[in-house]
Amino acid sequence: MATAGPGPSGLYSDVMSPAVLRPWVTAAAKAGLYVTLDLQPGRANLLAEAKTYQSLLELPNVGLALDPEWKLQPGQLPLHQIGSVSIAEVNSVVSWLSALTADHHLPQKLLELHEFRLSMIQNIRQLDTRNDNLSVVINMDGQGAPSSKRTTWRSVVAAAPAGVFFGWKDFYAKDTPMLGPRLTIGHVPTPLLISYQ
């Protein structure tokens, strides 16, 4: 999780131990639930952050989300600007996660990419979508009025490469007003992932 201060690592990111998360992941598996580990890396490298959670990602019910909003460049601070990440850094995670999934004979994994500004994932059309063992979902997680969110949705969908799916996030307090389920699922293409915050 991205943090306001640099922390011991100096990377503006607080890494939660996989051992702390494991009981939650185990309980989710027993309940038939899928878990997505969401990385807010601060100034850390996304692949290095993902590898921290390899022991959990080796489980069949655990996927990964990358949140470029919180990917800071040198000199940037959380909540002072919207972060961004290079497609090369994203594709390094794609390659690693795909290989991990194949090596452990796991079912297809979810790789969720948060995006509400096209600048968040640079050169997104170069995203590697050739890995059948990953299901890549671009989650449009912008907030605000429905008209503004629909404009963002259209931009995100139009800019995306072929071979990805789409998600939509509704915010209880920050959407004015928040769309109900029928209007949310009515977007084209149909969101395959809907999240609430």
Protein backbone atom coordinates (compact mmCIF):
# COMPACT_ATOMS: atom_id res chain seq x y z
CA MET A 1 0.00 0.00 0.00
CA ALA A 2 1.27 3.48 -0.87
CA THR A 3 2.08 5.56 2.21
CA ALA A 4 2.29 9.28 2.95
CA GLY A 5 5.83 8.95 4.29
CA PRO A 6 8.89 7.17 2.86
CA GLY A 7 8.92 4.45 5.54
CA PRO A 8 11.96 2.27 6.31
CA SER A 9 12.48 1.37 2.64
CA GLY A 10 12.28 4.97 1.43
CA LEU A 11 9.86 3.76 -1.27
CA TYR A 12 6.59 5.24 0.07
CA SER A 13 5.11 1.76 0.21
CA ASP A 14 4.14 -0.45 3.15
CA VAL A 15 4.50 -4.13 2.33
CA MET A 16 2.21 -6.43 4.30
CA SER A 17 3.75 -9.80 5.03
CA PRO A 18 2.34 -12.76 3.10
CA ALA A 19 2.17 -14.58 6.45
CA VAL A 20 -0.28 -11.95 7.72
CA LEU A 21 -2.46 -12.33 4.64
CA ARG A 22 -2.38 -16.13 4.43
CA PRO A 23 -5.16 -16.78 7.03
CA TRP A 24 -7.45 -14.45 5.07
CA VAL A 25 -6.61 -16.16 1.78
CA THR A 26 -7.14 -19.59 3.37
CA ALA A 27 -10.52 -18.54 4.77
CA ALA A 28 -11.52 -17.13 1.36
CA ALA A 29 -10.56 -20.41 -0.33
CA LYS A 30 -12.65 -22.41 2.16
CA ALA A 31 -15.60 -20.11 1.39
CA GLY A 32 -15.10 -20.54 -2.38
CA LEU A 33 -13.93 -16.96 -2.87
CA TYR A 34 -11.26 -15.53 -5.14
CA VAL A 35 -8.74 -13.06 -3.68
CA THR A 36 -7.04 -10.27 -5.59
CA LEU A 37 -3.85 -8.79 -4.15
CA ASP A 38 -3.81 -5.11 -5.09
CA LEU A 39 -0.38 -3.48 -5.33
CA GLN A 40 0.05 0.24 -4.64
CA PRO A 41 3.81 0.34 -5.09
CA GLY A 42 4.79 3.92 -4.28
CA ARG A 43 8.32 4.19 -5.69
CA ALA A 44 8.89 0.41 -5.62
CA ASN A 45 9.14 -1.71 -8.74
CA LEU A 46 5.90 -3.58 -9.49
CA LEU A 47 7.62 -6.84 -10.35
CA ALA A 48 9.62 -6.77 -7.11
CA GLU A 49 6.40 -6.08 -5.18
CA ALA A 50 4.59 -8.93 -6.96
CA LYS A 51 7.40 -11.38 -6.21
CA THR A 52 7.01 -10.59 -2.50
CA TYR A 53 3.63 -12.36 -2.71
CA GLN A 54 4.75 -15.35 -4.80
CA SER A 55 3.81 -17.84 -2.08
CA LEU A 56 0.22 -16.56 -2.17
CA LEU A 57 0.10 -16.23 -5.96
CA GLU A 58 1.04 -19.91 -6.19
CA LEU A 59 -2.43 -20.66 -4.80
CA PRO A 60 -5.28 -21.24 -7.28
CA ASN A 61 -7.66 -18.67 -5.75
CA VAL A 62 -5.31 -15.66 -5.77
CA GLY A 63 -4.94 -13.08 -8.54
CA LEU A 64 -3.09 -9.80 -8.83
CA ALA A 65 -4.02 -6.16 -9.41
CA LEU A 66 -1.66 -3.33 -10.36
CA ASP A 67 -2.67 0.20 -9.36
CA PRO A 68 -0.64 2.74 -11.40
CA GLU A 69 -2.34 5.65 -9.64
CA TRP A 70 0.05 4.91 -6.76
CA LYS A 71 3.17 4.25 -8.85
CA LEU A 72 5.43 7.20 -8.09
CA GLN A 73 8.42 8.47 -9.99
CA PRO A 74 11.47 9.95 -8.21
CA GLY A 75 10.50 13.17 -6.45
CA GLN A 76 6.75 12.40 -6.52
CA LEU A 77 4.64 11.97 -3.39
CA PRO A 78 1.35 10.10 -2.82
CA LEU A 79 -1.80 12.23 -3.23
CA HIS A 80 0.15 15.02 -4.96
CA GLN A 81 -0.34 13.65 -8.49
CA ILE A 82 -1.74 10.66 -10.34
CA GLY A 83 1.02 8.09 -10.82
CA SER A 84 1.94 6.19 -13.95
CA VAL A 85 3.83 3.12 -15.06
CA SER A 86 5.62 2.10 -18.24
CA ILE A 87 4.21 -0.72 -20.29
CA ALA A 88 7.61 -2.43 -19.99
CA GLU A 89 7.18 -2.63 -16.21
CA VAL A 90 3.62 -3.94 -16.56
CA ASN A 91 4.70 -6.52 -19.13
CA SER A 92 7.46 -7.72 -16.82
CA VAL A 93 4.74 -8.61 -14.31
CA VAL A 94 2.64 -10.20 -17.07
CA SER A 95 5.53 -12.46 -18.12
CA TRP A 96 6.43 -13.42 -14.57
CA LEU A 97 2.84 -14.13 -13.47
CA SER A 98 2.13 -16.11 -16.62
CA ALA A 99 5.23 -18.26 -16.08
CA LEU A 100 4.37 -18.76 -12.40
CA THR A 101 0.85 -19.87 -13.34
CA ALA A 102 2.16 -22.30 -15.96
CA ASP A 103 4.96 -23.68 -13.79
CA HIS A 104 2.53 -24.51 -10.96
CA HIS A 105 -0.20 -25.83 -13.30
CA LEU A 106 -2.68 -23.30 -11.89
CA PRO A 107 -6.03 -22.33 -13.37
CA GLN A 108 -6.18 -19.09 -15.30
CA LYS A 109 -5.30 -16.12 -13.07
CA LEU A 110 -6.85 -12.69 -12.97
CA LEU A 111 -4.53 -9.77 -13.66
CA GLU A 112 -6.39 -6.54 -12.99
CA LEU A 113 -5.04 -3.20 -14.20
CA HIS A 114 -6.58 -0.08 -12.69
CA GLU A 115 -6.98 2.83 -15.09
CA PHE A 116 -8.98 6.05 -15.13
CA ARG A 117 -6.54 8.23 -17.08
CA LEU A 118 -4.85 7.11 -20.26
CA SER A 119 -1.56 8.47 -18.93
CA MET A 120 -1.55 5.93 -16.07
CA ILE A 121 -0.32 3.01 -18.22
CA GLN A 122 2.01 4.37 -20.88
CA ASN A 123 1.66 2.77 -24.33
CA ILE A 124 -1.06 0.40 -23.13
CA ARG A 125 -1.63 -0.90 -26.67
CA GLN A 126 1.71 -2.70 -26.27
CA LEU A 127 0.33 -4.74 -23.34
CA ASP A 128 1.21 -8.42 -23.73
CA THR A 129 -2.14 -10.21 -24.01
CA ARG A 130 -0.83 -13.46 -25.54
CA ASN A 131 -0.89 -15.49 -22.32
CA ASP A 132 -3.90 -17.80 -22.17
CA ASN A 133 -3.27 -18.55 -18.49
CA LEU A 134 -3.96 -14.91 -17.57
CA SER A 135 -7.25 -13.08 -17.85
CA VAL A 136 -6.41 -9.39 -18.08
CA VAL A 137 -9.10 -6.98 -16.91
CA ILE A 138 -8.75 -3.21 -17.20
CA ASN A 139 -10.80 -1.83 -14.32
CA MET A 140 -12.08 1.69 -14.96
CA ASP A 141 -11.98 3.02 -11.41
CA GLY A 142 -12.65 6.71 -11.95
CA GLN A 143 -15.08 8.55 -9.71
CA GLY A 144 -17.58 11.38 -10.06
CA ALA A 145 -20.77 12.07 -11.96
CA PRO A 146 -22.15 9.31 -14.22
CA SER A 147 -21.58 11.39 -17.37
CA SER A 148 -17.93 11.94 -16.47
CA LYS A 149 -17.41 8.26 -15.67
CA ARG A 150 -19.03 7.21 -18.95
CA THR A 151 -16.67 9.51 -20.86
CA THR A 152 -13.73 7.93 -19.04
CA TRP A 153 -15.12 4.45 -19.77
CA ARG A 154 -15.31 5.17 -23.49
CA SER A 155 -11.73 6.49 -23.51
CA VAL A 156 -10.35 3.50 -21.59
CA VAL A 157 -12.18 1.00 -23.81
CA ALA A 158 -11.12 2.74 -27.03
CA ALA A 159 -7.45 2.86 -26.00
CA ALA A 160 -7.22 -0.75 -24.80
CA PRO A 161 -5.50 -3.47 -26.79
CA ALA A 162 -7.40 -6.46 -28.12
CA GLY A 163 -7.66 -9.47 -25.84
CA VAL A 164 -8.56 -7.72 -22.57
CA PHE A 165 -11.75 -7.57 -20.55
CA PHE A 166 -13.15 -4.60 -18.65
CA GLY A 167 -14.26 -3.78 -15.15
CA TRP A 168 -16.09 -0.86 -13.53
CA LYS A 169 -15.80 0.51 -10.01
CA ASP A 170 -18.67 2.20 -8.18
CA PHE A 171 -17.85 4.50 -5.25
CA TYR A 172 -20.45 4.79 -2.50
CA ALA A 173 -19.38 8.26 -1.36
CA LYS A 174 -17.46 9.75 -4.31
CA ASP A 175 -19.84 9.03 -7.20
CA THR A 176 -22.54 11.68 -7.53
CA PRO A 177 -24.81 9.73 -7.71
CA MET A 178 -23.54 6.16 -7.72
CA LEU A 179 -25.01 4.05 -10.50
CA GLY A 180 -27.17 1.12 -9.50
CA PRO A 181 -26.43 -2.46 -10.61
CA ARG A 182 -28.61 -2.35 -13.74
CA LEU A 183 -26.96 0.80 -15.12
CA THR A 184 -23.50 -0.39 -14.15
CA ILE A 185 -23.81 -3.73 -15.94
CA GLY A 186 -25.44 -2.04 -18.93
CA HIS A 187 -22.17 -0.57 -20.19
CA VAL A 188 -20.77 -1.75 -23.51
CA PRO A 189 -18.72 -3.86 -23.48
CA THR A 190 -20.30 -5.52 -20.45
CA PRO A 191 -18.05 -5.15 -17.39
CA LEU A 192 -16.90 -8.60 -16.29
CA LEU A 193 -15.64 -7.26 -12.96
CA ILE A 194 -17.64 -4.82 -10.85
CA SER A 195 -16.18 -3.53 -7.60
CA TYR A 196 -17.50 -1.23 -4.90
CA GLN A 197 -15.58 1.07 -2.61
